[in-house]
Amino acid sequence: MKKIFAALLSASFLLSPMVVSQASADDHRRPPVVVHKKVVVHKKVVVRSHWKRGYRVNASERRRFSDVNDYRRYRLAPPPRGYRWVRADNDYLLIGVTSGIISSIIAGR
């Protein structure tokens, strides 16, 4: 009885790698899983403000602008007294400090 049990036990140790290799071979025969994904691109339309000379910029719009202190870097003329250069989006505006009226516009590149 011990000899039969020992023979079955040794046979199970010898056959187990074959069973495992057969199971892994079945995994490689399966077709690959393809996931189809729908990609939606939302485009945003940016409405640019068209600045005009003589237009008065109110205080809330002036807060969005950034001051251009280094105007020579952008090849801008020095601002006269009472005016300053500001950057609105990609445009450079010369506006009056107290009145907020645009006196010159330079389109940025």
PDB file of N, CA and C in Angstrom:
ATOM      1  N   MET A   1       0.803  -1.171   0.000  1.00  0.00           N
ATOM      2  CA  MET A   1       0.000   0.000   0.000  1.00  0.00           C
ATOM      3  C   MET A   1       0.868   1.265   0.000  1.00  0.00           C
ATOM      4  N   LYS A   2       1.975   1.209   0.764  1.00  0.00           N
ATOM      5  CA  LYS A   2       2.864   2.362   0.816  1.00  0.00           C
ATOM      6  C   LYS A   2       3.509   2.610  -0.537  1.00  0.00           C
ATOM      7  N   LYS A   3       3.807   1.510  -1.259  1.00  0.00           N
ATOM      8  CA  LYS A   3       4.447   1.663  -2.568  1.00  0.00           C
ATOM      9  C   LYS A   3       3.495   2.312  -3.565  1.00  0.00           C
ATOM     10  N   ILE A   4       2.220   1.996  -3.530  1.00  0.00           N
ATOM     11  CA  ILE A   4       1.237   2.598  -4.444  1.00  0.00           C
ATOM     12  C   ILE A   4       1.075   4.088  -4.126  1.00  0.00           C
ATOM     13  N   PHE A   5       0.998   4.378  -2.832  1.00  0.00           N
ATOM     14  CA  PHE A   5       0.862   5.783  -2.418  1.00  0.00           C
ATOM     15  C   PHE A   5       2.080   6.597  -2.821  1.00  0.00           C
ATOM     16  N   ALA A   6       3.266   6.023  -2.663  1.00  0.00           N
ATOM     17  CA  ALA A   6       4.504   6.711  -3.056  1.00  0.00           C
ATOM     18  C   ALA A   6       4.561   6.894  -4.558  1.00  0.00           C
ATOM     19  N   ALA A   7       4.087   5.922  -5.332  1.00  0.00           N
ATOM     20  CA  ALA A   7       4.081   6.024  -6.801  1.00  0.00           C
ATOM     21  C   ALA A   7       3.112   7.100  -7.257  1.00  0.00           C
ATOM     22  N   LEU A   8       1.934   7.186  -6.651  1.00  0.00           N
ATOM     23  CA  LEU A   8       0.959   8.222  -7.007  1.00  0.00           C
ATOM     24  C   LEU A   8       1.470   9.625  -6.636  1.00  0.00           C
ATOM     25  N   LEU A   9       2.105   9.713  -5.510  1.00  0.00           N
ATOM     26  CA  LEU A   9       2.637  11.005  -5.074  1.00  0.00           C
ATOM     27  C   LEU A   9       3.742  11.486  -6.003  1.00  0.00           C
ATOM     28  N   SER A  10       4.631  10.601  -6.395  1.00  0.00           N
ATOM     29  CA  SER A  10       5.717  10.985  -7.303  1.00  0.00           C
ATOM     30  C   SER A  10       5.169  11.305  -8.694  1.00  0.00           C
ATOM     31  N   ALA A  11       4.124  10.577  -9.130  1.00  0.00           N
ATOM     32  CA  ALA A  11       3.514  10.861 -10.433  1.00  0.00           C
ATOM     33  C   ALA A  11       2.853  12.243 -10.425  1.00  0.00           C
ATOM     34  N   SER A  12       2.238  12.609  -9.308  1.00  0.00           N
ATOM     35  CA  SER A  12       1.604  13.927  -9.235  1.00  0.00           C
ATOM     36  C   SER A  12       2.649  15.041  -9.274  1.00  0.00           C
ATOM     37  N   PHE A  13       3.822  14.825  -8.657  1.00  0.00           N
ATOM     38  CA  PHE A  13       4.900  15.826  -8.724  1.00  0.00           C
ATOM     39  C   PHE A  13       5.442  15.952 -10.139  1.00  0.00           C
ATOM     40  N   LEU A  14       5.500  14.850 -10.857  1.00  0.00           N
ATOM     41  CA  LEU A  14       6.037  14.882 -12.218  1.00  0.00           C
ATOM     42  C   LEU A  14       5.042  15.455 -13.225  1.00  0.00           C
ATOM     43  N   LEU A  15       3.752  15.260 -13.023  1.00  0.00           N
ATOM     44  CA  LEU A  15       2.739  15.704 -13.980  1.00  0.00           C
ATOM     45  C   LEU A  15       2.263  17.144 -13.735  1.00  0.00           C
ATOM     46  N   SER A  16       2.470  17.678 -12.536  1.00  0.00           N
ATOM     47  CA  SER A  16       1.966  19.027 -12.243  1.00  0.00           C
ATOM     48  C   SER A  16       2.594  20.111 -13.134  1.00  0.00           C
ATOM     49  N   PRO A  17       3.901  20.093 -13.482  1.00  0.00           N
ATOM     50  CA  PRO A  17       4.412  21.114 -14.406  1.00  0.00           C
ATOM     51  C   PRO A  17       3.795  21.036 -15.790  1.00  0.00           C
ATOM     52  N   MET A  18       3.449  19.834 -16.231  1.00  0.00           N
ATOM     53  CA  MET A  18       2.820  19.692 -17.543  1.00  0.00           C
ATOM     54  C   MET A  18       1.438  20.320 -17.557  1.00  0.00           C
ATOM     55  N   VAL A  19       0.692  20.147 -16.482  1.00  0.00           N
ATOM     56  CA  VAL A  19      -0.658  20.714 -16.395  1.00  0.00           C
ATOM     57  C   VAL A  19      -0.587  22.233 -16.362  1.00  0.00           C
ATOM     58  N   VAL A  20       0.357  22.772 -15.612  1.00  0.00           N
ATOM     59  CA  VAL A  20       0.513  24.225 -15.511  1.00  0.00           C
ATOM     60  C   VAL A  20       0.931  24.813 -16.843  1.00  0.00           C
ATOM     61  N   SER A  21       1.862  24.159 -17.554  1.00  0.00           N
ATOM     62  CA  SER A  21       2.318  24.678 -18.843  1.00  0.00           C
ATOM     63  C   SER A  21       1.190  24.626 -19.868  1.00  0.00           C
ATOM     64  N   GLN A  22       0.342  23.604 -19.790  1.00  0.00           N
ATOM     65  CA  GLN A  22      -0.791  23.521 -20.707  1.00  0.00           C
ATOM     66  C   GLN A  22      -1.775  24.657 -20.442  1.00  0.00           C
ATOM     67  N   ALA A  23      -1.995  24.998 -19.171  1.00  0.00           N
ATOM     68  CA  ALA A  23      -2.917  26.087 -18.832  1.00  0.00           C
ATOM     69  C   ALA A  23      -2.363  27.428 -19.299  1.00  0.00           C
ATOM     70  N   SER A  24      -1.053  27.630 -19.163  1.00  0.00           N
ATOM     71  CA  SER A  24      -0.484  28.894 -19.615  1.00  0.00           C
ATOM     72  C   SER A  24      -0.456  28.970 -21.135  1.00  0.00           C
ATOM     73  N   ALA A  25      -0.326  27.835 -21.824  1.00  0.00           N
ATOM     74  CA  ALA A  25      -0.370  27.833 -23.282  1.00  0.00           C
ATOM     75  C   ALA A  25      -1.761  28.202 -23.763  1.00  0.00           C
ATOM     76  N   ASP A  26      -2.793  27.804 -23.040  1.00  0.00           N
ATOM     77  CA  ASP A  26      -4.153  28.180 -23.408  1.00  0.00           C
ATOM     78  C   ASP A  26      -4.356  29.682 -23.302  1.00  0.00           C
ATOM     79  N   ASP A  27      -3.714  30.333 -22.339  1.00  0.00           N
ATOM     80  CA  ASP A  27      -3.842  31.778 -22.194  1.00  0.00           C
ATOM     81  C   ASP A  27      -3.256  32.508 -23.394  1.00  0.00           C
ATOM     82  N   HIS A  28      -2.178  31.974 -23.965  1.00  0.00           N
ATOM     83  CA  HIS A  28      -1.549  32.635 -25.093  1.00  0.00           C
ATOM     84  C   HIS A  28      -2.336  32.435 -26.378  1.00  0.00           C
ATOM     85  N   ARG A  29      -3.184  31.453 -26.424  1.00  0.00           N
ATOM     86  CA  ARG A  29      -3.969  31.199 -27.630  1.00  0.00           C
ATOM     87  C   ARG A  29      -5.213  32.066 -27.704  1.00  0.00           C
ATOM     88  N   ARG A  30      -5.572  32.703 -26.611  1.00  0.00           N
ATOM     89  CA  ARG A  30      -6.764  33.543 -26.610  1.00  0.00           C
ATOM     90  C   ARG A  30      -6.508  34.794 -27.445  1.00  0.00           C
ATOM     91  N   PRO A  31      -7.531  35.284 -28.115  1.00  0.00           N
ATOM     92  CA  PRO A  31      -7.328  36.531 -28.867  1.00  0.00           C
ATOM     93  C   PRO A  31      -7.150  37.696 -27.892  1.00  0.00           C
ATOM     94  N   PRO A  32      -6.380  38.691 -28.273  1.00  0.00           N
ATOM     95  CA  PRO A  32      -6.173  39.817 -27.363  1.00  0.00           C
ATOM     96  C   PRO A  32      -7.471  40.613 -27.172  1.00  0.00           C
ATOM     97  N   VAL A  33      -7.618  41.157 -26.000  1.00  0.00           N
ATOM     98  CA  VAL A  33      -8.797  41.949 -25.683  1.00  0.00           C
ATOM     99  C   VAL A  33      -8.551  43.377 -26.168  1.00  0.00           C
ATOM    100  N   VAL A  34      -9.453  43.888 -26.993  1.00  0.00           N
ATOM    101  CA  VAL A  34      -9.327  45.244 -27.530  1.00  0.00           C
ATOM    102  C   VAL A  34     -10.399  46.107 -26.875  1.00  0.00           C
ATOM    103  N   VAL A  35      -9.974  47.192 -26.271  1.00  0.00           N
ATOM    104  CA  VAL A  35     -10.896  48.116 -25.628  1.00  0.00           C
ATOM    105  C   VAL A  35     -11.087  49.304 -26.553  1.00  0.00           C
ATOM    106  N   HIS A  36     -12.309  49.533 -26.953  1.00  0.00           N
ATOM    107  CA  HIS A  36     -12.618  50.683 -27.804  1.00  0.00           C
ATOM    108  C   HIS A  36     -13.045  51.830 -26.912  1.00  0.00           C
ATOM    109  N   LYS A  37     -12.420  52.963 -27.113  1.00  0.00           N
ATOM    110  CA  LYS A  37     -12.655  54.115 -26.258  1.00  0.00           C
ATOM    111  C   LYS A  37     -13.078  55.279 -27.127  1.00  0.00           C
ATOM    112  N   LYS A  38     -14.117  55.960 -26.753  1.00  0.00           N
ATOM    113  CA  LYS A  38     -14.581  57.109 -27.517  1.00  0.00           C
ATOM    114  C   LYS A  38     -13.968  58.367 -26.900  1.00  0.00           C
ATOM    115  N   VAL A  39     -13.240  59.107 -27.722  1.00  0.00           N
ATOM    116  CA  VAL A  39     -12.571  60.314 -27.247  1.00  0.00           C
ATOM    117  C   VAL A  39     -13.340  61.516 -27.778  1.00  0.00           C
ATOM    118  N   VAL A  40     -13.766  62.366 -26.875  1.00  0.00           N
ATOM    119  CA  VAL A  40     -14.503  63.567 -27.249  1.00  0.00           C
ATOM    120  C   VAL A  40     -13.617  64.770 -26.948  1.00  0.00           C
ATOM    121  N   VAL A  41     -13.402  65.596 -27.958  1.00  0.00           N
ATOM    122  CA  VAL A  41     -12.573  66.784 -27.796  1.00  0.00           C
ATOM    123  C   VAL A  41     -13.492  67.995 -27.792  1.00  0.00           C
ATOM    124  N   HIS A  42     -13.458  68.745 -26.699  1.00  0.00           N
ATOM    125  CA  HIS A  42     -14.245  69.960 -26.614  1.00  0.00           C
ATOM    126  C   HIS A  42     -13.369  71.134 -27.014  1.00  0.00           C
ATOM    127  N   LYS A  43     -13.800  71.847 -28.032  1.00  0.00           N
ATOM    128  CA  LYS A  43     -13.036  73.007 -28.480  1.00  0.00           C
ATOM    129  C   LYS A  43     -13.638  74.257 -27.864  1.00  0.00           C
ATOM    130  N   LYS A  44     -12.755  75.104 -27.365  1.00  0.00           N
ATOM    131  CA  LYS A  44     -13.206  76.353 -26.771  1.00  0.00           C
ATOM    132  C   LYS A  44     -12.933  77.480 -27.754  1.00  0.00           C
ATOM    133  N   VAL A  45     -13.910  78.317 -27.943  1.00  0.00           N
ATOM    134  CA  VAL A  45     -13.747  79.472 -28.806  1.00  0.00           C
ATOM    135  C   VAL A  45     -13.448  80.660 -27.909  1.00  0.00           C
ATOM    136  N   VAL A  46     -12.297  81.245 -28.134  1.00  0.00           N
ATOM    137  CA  VAL A  46     -11.884  82.387 -27.328  1.00  0.00           C
ATOM    138  C   VAL A  46     -12.219  83.642 -28.098  1.00  0.00           C
ATOM    139  N   VAL A  47     -13.054  84.480 -27.494  1.00  0.00           N
ATOM    140  CA  VAL A  47     -13.422  85.736 -28.126  1.00  0.00           C
ATOM    141  C   VAL A  47     -12.445  86.791 -27.646  1.00  0.00           C
ATOM    142  N   ARG A  48     -11.686  87.315 -28.570  1.00  0.00           N
ATOM    143  CA  ARG A  48     -10.707  88.330 -28.207  1.00  0.00           C
ATOM    144  C   ARG A  48     -11.356  89.696 -28.239  1.00  0.00           C
ATOM    145  N   SER A  49     -10.990  90.502 -27.303  1.00  0.00           N
ATOM    146  CA  SER A  49     -11.467  91.874 -27.287  1.00  0.00           C
ATOM    147  C   SER A  49     -10.718  92.648 -28.355  1.00  0.00           C
ATOM    148  N   HIS A  50     -11.437  93.396 -29.121  1.00  0.00           N
ATOM    149  CA  HIS A  50     -10.813  94.235 -30.140  1.00  0.00           C
ATOM    150  C   HIS A  50     -10.689  95.637 -29.557  1.00  0.00           C
ATOM    151  N   TRP A  51      -9.486  95.987 -29.217  1.00  0.00           N
ATOM    152  CA  TRP A  51      -9.243  97.264 -28.579  1.00  0.00           C
ATOM    153  C   TRP A  51      -9.218  98.369 -29.636  1.00  0.00           C
ATOM    154  N   LYS A  52      -9.692  99.540 -29.279  1.00  0.00           N
ATOM    155  CA  LYS A  52      -9.695 100.691 -30.177  1.00  0.00           C
ATOM    156  C   LYS A  52      -9.141 101.887 -29.432  1.00  0.00           C
ATOM    157  N   ARG A  53      -8.518 102.766 -30.192  1.00  0.00           N
ATOM    158  CA  ARG A  53      -8.014 103.998 -29.579  1.00  0.00           C
ATOM    159  C   ARG A  53      -9.185 104.825 -29.085  1.00  0.00           C
ATOM    160  N   GLY A  54      -9.018 105.423 -27.929  1.00  0.00           N
ATOM    161  CA  GLY A  54     -10.075 106.249 -27.346  1.00  0.00           C
ATOM    162  C   GLY A  54     -11.038 105.466 -26.472  1.00  0.00           C
ATOM    163  N   TYR A  55     -10.934 104.156 -26.465  1.00  0.00           N
ATOM    164  CA  TYR A  55     -11.802 103.332 -25.637  1.00  0.00           C
ATOM    165  C   TYR A  55     -11.376 103.464 -24.187  1.00  0.00           C
ATOM    166  N   ARG A  56     -12.342 103.631 -23.302  1.00  0.00           N
ATOM    167  CA  ARG A  56     -12.033 103.755 -21.877  1.00  0.00           C
ATOM    168  C   ARG A  56     -12.090 102.375 -21.235  1.00  0.00           C
ATOM    169  N   VAL A  57     -11.006 101.997 -20.604  1.00  0.00           N
ATOM    170  CA  VAL A  57     -10.908 100.714 -19.922  1.00  0.00           C
ATOM    171  C   VAL A  57     -11.337 100.922 -18.478  1.00  0.00           C
ATOM    172  N   ASN A  58     -12.378 100.187 -18.053  1.00  0.00           N
ATOM    173  CA  ASN A  58     -12.843 100.387 -16.681  1.00  0.00           C
ATOM    174  C   ASN A  58     -11.926  99.658 -15.694  1.00  0.00           C
ATOM    175  N   ALA A  59     -12.159  99.878 -14.420  1.00  0.00           N
ATOM    176  CA  ALA A  59     -11.259  99.374 -13.374  1.00  0.00           C
ATOM    177  C   ALA A  59     -11.241  97.844 -13.318  1.00  0.00           C
ATOM    178  N   SER A  60     -12.374  97.203 -13.569  1.00  0.00           N
ATOM    179  CA  SER A  60     -12.392  95.742 -13.504  1.00  0.00           C
ATOM    180  C   SER A  60     -11.583  95.132 -14.652  1.00  0.00           C
ATOM    181  N   GLU A  61     -11.590  95.768 -15.816  1.00  0.00           N
ATOM    182  CA  GLU A  61     -10.767  95.277 -16.926  1.00  0.00           C
ATOM    183  C   GLU A  61      -9.292  95.548 -16.660  1.00  0.00           C
ATOM    184  N   ARG A  62      -8.987  96.651 -16.024  1.00  0.00           N
ATOM    185  CA  ARG A  62      -7.583  96.995 -15.741  1.00  0.00           C
ATOM    186  C   ARG A  62      -6.942  96.019 -14.769  1.00  0.00           C
ATOM    187  N   ARG A  63      -7.732  95.407 -13.911  1.00  0.00           N
ATOM    188  CA  ARG A  63      -7.179  94.432 -12.959  1.00  0.00           C
ATOM    189  C   ARG A  63      -6.680  93.173 -13.673  1.00  0.00           C
ATOM    190  N   ARG A  64      -7.265  92.852 -14.826  1.00  0.00           N
ATOM    191  CA  ARG A  64      -6.846  91.664 -15.566  1.00  0.00           C
ATOM    192  C   ARG A  64      -5.558  91.883 -16.331  1.00  0.00           C
ATOM    193  N   PHE A  65      -5.194  93.136 -16.564  1.00  0.00           N
ATOM    194  CA  PHE A  65      -3.994  93.438 -17.336  1.00  0.00           C
ATOM    195  C   PHE A  65      -2.766  93.295 -16.467  1.00  0.00           C
ATOM    196  N   SER A  66      -1.646  93.010 -17.123  1.00  0.00           N
ATOM    197  CA  SER A  66      -0.384  92.987 -16.389  1.00  0.00           C
ATOM    198  C   SER A  66       0.463  94.165 -16.866  1.00  0.00           C
ATOM    199  N   ASP A  67       1.080  94.844 -15.926  1.00  0.00           N
ATOM    200  CA  ASP A  67       1.921  95.997 -16.267  1.00  0.00           C
ATOM    201  C   ASP A  67       3.183  95.529 -16.962  1.00  0.00           C
ATOM    202  N   VAL A  68       3.625  96.332 -17.929  1.00  0.00           N
ATOM    203  CA  VAL A  68       4.875  96.048 -18.633  1.00  0.00           C
ATOM    204  C   VAL A  68       5.882  97.078 -18.140  1.00  0.00           C
ATOM    205  N   ASN A  69       6.719  96.676 -17.192  1.00  0.00           N
ATOM    206  CA  ASN A  69       7.733  97.589 -16.661  1.00  0.00           C
ATOM    207  C   ASN A  69       8.969  97.612 -17.545  1.00  0.00           C
ATOM    208  N   ASP A  70       9.299  96.491 -18.156  1.00  0.00           N
ATOM    209  CA  ASP A  70      10.484  96.399 -19.013  1.00  0.00           C
ATOM    210  C   ASP A  70      10.036  96.542 -20.472  1.00  0.00           C
ATOM    211  N   TYR A  71       9.612  97.748 -20.849  1.00  0.00           N
ATOM    212  CA  TYR A  71       9.045  97.957 -22.178  1.00  0.00           C
ATOM    213  C   TYR A  71      10.093  97.836 -23.279  1.00  0.00           C
ATOM    214  N   ARG A  72      11.348  98.072 -22.990  1.00  0.00           N
ATOM    215  CA  ARG A  72      12.390  97.943 -24.022  1.00  0.00           C
ATOM    216  C   ARG A  72      12.581  96.490 -24.452  1.00  0.00           C
ATOM    217  N   ARG A  73      12.316  95.589 -23.551  1.00  0.00           N
ATOM    218  CA  ARG A  73      12.425  94.168 -23.880  1.00  0.00           C
ATOM    219  C   ARG A  73      11.448  93.787 -24.996  1.00  0.00           C
ATOM    220  N   TYR A  74      10.295  94.435 -25.005  1.00  0.00           N
ATOM    221  CA  TYR A  74       9.280  94.167 -26.020  1.00  0.00           C
ATOM    222  C   TYR A  74       9.333  95.169 -27.170  1.00  0.00           C
ATOM    223  N   ARG A  75      10.388  95.948 -27.218  1.00  0.00           N
ATOM    224  CA  ARG A  75      10.625  96.958 -28.251  1.00  0.00           C
ATOM    225  C   ARG A  75       9.503  97.981 -28.314  1.00  0.00           C
ATOM    226  N   LEU A  76       9.114  98.442 -27.144  1.00  0.00           N
ATOM    227  CA  LEU A  76       8.092  99.479 -27.034  1.00  0.00           C
ATOM    228  C   LEU A  76       8.761 100.797 -26.688  1.00  0.00           C
ATOM    229  N   ALA A  77       8.165 101.891 -27.139  1.00  0.00           N
ATOM    230  CA  ALA A  77       8.691 103.221 -26.821  1.00  0.00           C
ATOM    231  C   ALA A  77       8.430 103.512 -25.352  1.00  0.00           C
ATOM    232  N   PRO A  78       9.256 104.348 -24.742  1.00  0.00           N
ATOM    233  CA  PRO A  78       8.982 104.691 -23.339  1.00  0.00           C
ATOM    234  C   PRO A  78       7.658 105.438 -23.227  1.00  0.00           C
ATOM    235  N   PRO A  79       6.871 105.112 -22.232  1.00  0.00           N
ATOM    236  CA  PRO A  79       5.561 105.772 -22.111  1.00  0.00           C
ATOM    237  C   PRO A  79       5.725 107.221 -21.643  1.00  0.00           C
ATOM    238  N   PRO A  80       4.898 108.130 -22.180  1.00  0.00           N
ATOM    239  CA  PRO A  80       4.957 109.509 -21.698  1.00  0.00           C
ATOM    240  C   PRO A  80       4.470 109.601 -20.252  1.00  0.00           C
ATOM    241  N   ARG A  81       4.690 110.733 -19.627  1.00  0.00           N
ATOM    242  CA  ARG A  81       4.267 110.922 -18.240  1.00  0.00           C
ATOM    243  C   ARG A  81       2.739 110.812 -18.158  1.00  0.00           C
ATOM    244  N   GLY A  82       2.270 110.024 -17.209  1.00  0.00           N
ATOM    245  CA  GLY A  82       0.833 109.840 -17.023  1.00  0.00           C
ATOM    246  C   GLY A  82       0.270 108.654 -17.786  1.00  0.00           C
ATOM    247  N   TYR A  83       1.114 107.932 -18.488  1.00  0.00           N
ATOM    248  CA  TYR A  83       0.679 106.752 -19.226  1.00  0.00           C
ATOM    249  C   TYR A  83       1.514 105.544 -18.797  1.00  0.00           C
ATOM    250  N   ARG A  84       1.010 104.358 -19.111  1.00  0.00           N
ATOM    251  CA  ARG A  84       1.754 103.144 -18.818  1.00  0.00           C
ATOM    252  C   ARG A  84       1.396 102.074 -19.845  1.00  0.00           C
ATOM    253  N   TRP A  85       2.344 101.179 -20.078  1.00  0.00           N
ATOM    254  CA  TRP A  85       2.117 100.051 -20.965  1.00  0.00           C
ATOM    255  C   TRP A  85       1.530  98.897 -20.159  1.00  0.00           C
ATOM    256  N   VAL A  86       0.498  98.260 -20.708  1.00  0.00           N
ATOM    257  CA  VAL A  86      -0.086  97.071 -20.093  1.00  0.00           C
ATOM    258  C   VAL A  86      -0.212  96.005 -21.164  1.00  0.00           C
ATOM    259  N   ARG A  87      -0.255  94.773 -20.713  1.00  0.00           N
ATOM    260  CA  ARG A  87      -0.403  93.648 -21.644  1.00  0.00           C
ATOM    261  C   ARG A  87      -1.779  93.045 -21.452  1.00  0.00           C
ATOM    262  N   ALA A  88      -2.551  93.044 -22.534  1.00  0.00           N
ATOM    263  CA  ALA A  88      -3.882  92.446 -22.536  1.00  0.00           C
ATOM    264  C   ALA A  88      -3.850  91.299 -23.532  1.00  0.00           C
ATOM    265  N   ASP A  89      -3.924  90.074 -23.035  1.00  0.00           N
ATOM    266  CA  ASP A  89      -3.773  88.869 -23.848  1.00  0.00           C
ATOM    267  C   ASP A  89      -2.416  88.912 -24.531  1.00  0.00           C
ATOM    268  N   ASN A  90      -2.370  89.155 -25.832  1.00  0.00           N
ATOM    269  CA  ASN A  90      -1.090  89.226 -26.525  1.00  0.00           C
ATOM    270  C   ASN A  90      -0.881  90.608 -27.129  1.00  0.00           C
ATOM    271  N   ASP A  91      -1.678  91.579 -26.722  1.00  0.00           N
ATOM    272  CA  ASP A  91      -1.574  92.944 -27.228  1.00  0.00           C
ATOM    273  C   ASP A  91      -0.996  93.839 -26.138  1.00  0.00           C
ATOM    274  N   TYR A  92      -0.320  94.887 -26.588  1.00  0.00           N
ATOM    275  CA  TYR A  92       0.235  95.876 -25.664  1.00  0.00           C
ATOM    276  C   TYR A  92      -0.527  97.171 -25.841  1.00  0.00           C
ATOM    277  N   LEU A  93      -1.046  97.680 -24.732  1.00  0.00           N
ATOM    278  CA  LEU A  93      -1.855  98.895 -24.766  1.00  0.00           C
ATOM    279  C   LEU A  93      -1.164  99.985 -23.970  1.00  0.00           C
ATOM    280  N   LEU A  94      -1.184 101.201 -24.515  1.00  0.00           N
ATOM    281  CA  LEU A  94      -0.693 102.368 -23.794  1.00  0.00           C
ATOM    282  C   LEU A  94      -1.925 103.079 -23.269  1.00  0.00           C
ATOM    283  N   ILE A  95      -2.137 103.013 -21.959  1.00  0.00           N
ATOM    284  CA  ILE A  95      -3.342 103.606 -21.385  1.00  0.00           C
ATOM    285  C   ILE A  95      -2.965 104.697 -20.397  1.00  0.00           C
ATOM    286  N   GLY A  96      -3.873 105.645 -20.243  1.00  0.00           N
ATOM    287  CA  GLY A  96      -3.681 106.708 -19.265  1.00  0.00           C
ATOM    288  C   GLY A  96      -3.864 106.169 -17.861  1.00  0.00           C
ATOM    289  N   VAL A  97      -3.017 106.622 -16.960  1.00  0.00           N
ATOM    290  CA  VAL A  97      -3.045 106.090 -15.590  1.00  0.00           C
ATOM    291  C   VAL A  97      -4.335 106.486 -14.890  1.00  0.00           C
ATOM    292  N   THR A  98      -4.724 107.735 -14.986  1.00  0.00           N
ATOM    293  CA  THR A  98      -5.898 108.200 -14.255  1.00  0.00           C
ATOM    294  C   THR A  98      -7.186 107.996 -15.035  1.00  0.00           C
ATOM    295  N   SER A  99      -7.167 108.228 -16.340  1.00  0.00           N
ATOM    296  CA  SER A  99      -8.405 108.167 -17.113  1.00  0.00           C
ATOM    297  C   SER A  99      -8.721 106.759 -17.612  1.00  0.00           C
ATOM    298  N   GLY A 100      -7.702 105.955 -17.930  1.00  0.00           N
ATOM    299  CA  GLY A 100      -7.927 104.615 -18.446  1.00  0.00           C
ATOM    300  C   GLY A 100      -8.249 104.599 -19.927  1.00  0.00           C
ATOM    301  N   ILE A 101      -7.954 105.686 -20.633  1.00  0.00           N
ATOM    302  CA  ILE A 101      -8.226 105.768 -22.069  1.00  0.00           C
ATOM    303  C   ILE A 101      -7.036 105.203 -22.837  1.00  0.00           C
ATOM    304  N   ILE A 102      -7.324 104.388 -23.837  1.00  0.00           N
ATOM    305  CA  ILE A 102      -6.275 103.777 -24.656  1.00  0.00           C
ATOM    306  C   ILE A 102      -5.793 104.800 -25.672  1.00  0.00           C
ATOM    307  N   SER A 103      -4.495 105.043 -25.686  1.00  0.00           N
ATOM    308  CA  SER A 103      -3.950 105.983 -26.658  1.00  0.00           C
ATOM    309  C   SER A 103      -3.160 105.293 -27.754  1.00  0.00           C
ATOM    310  N   SER A 104      -2.674 104.068 -27.515  1.00  0.00           N
ATOM    311  CA  SER A 104      -1.919 103.350 -28.542  1.00  0.00           C
ATOM    312  C   SER A 104      -2.083 101.848 -28.330  1.00  0.00           C
ATOM    313  N   ILE A 105      -2.077 101.128 -29.448  1.00  0.00           N
ATOM    314  CA  ILE A 105      -2.218  99.673 -29.410  1.00  0.00           C
ATOM    315  C   ILE A 105      -1.132  99.064 -30.274  1.00  0.00           C
ATOM    316  N   ILE A 106      -0.454  98.047 -29.733  1.00  0.00           N
ATOM    317  CA  ILE A 106       0.540  97.305 -30.500  1.00  0.00           C
ATOM    318  C   ILE A 106       0.153  95.832 -30.415  1.00  0.00           C
ATOM    319  N   ALA A 107      -0.072  95.219 -31.575  1.00  0.00           N
ATOM    320  CA  ALA A 107      -0.439  93.804 -31.602  1.00  0.00           C
ATOM    321  C   ALA A 107       0.800  92.967 -31.364  1.00  0.00           C
ATOM    322  N   GLY A 108       0.692  92.037 -30.428  1.00  0.00           N
ATOM    323  CA  GLY A 108       1.809  91.151 -30.121  1.00  0.00           C
ATOM    324  C   GLY A 108       1.922  90.046 -31.150  1.00  0.00           C
ATOM    325  N   ARG A 109       3.096  89.436 -31.181  1.00  0.00           N
ATOM    326  CA  ARG A 109       3.331  88.366 -32.149  1.00  0.00           C
ATOM    327  C   ARG A 109       3.092  87.029 -31.515  1.00  0.00           C
TER     328      ARG A 109
END
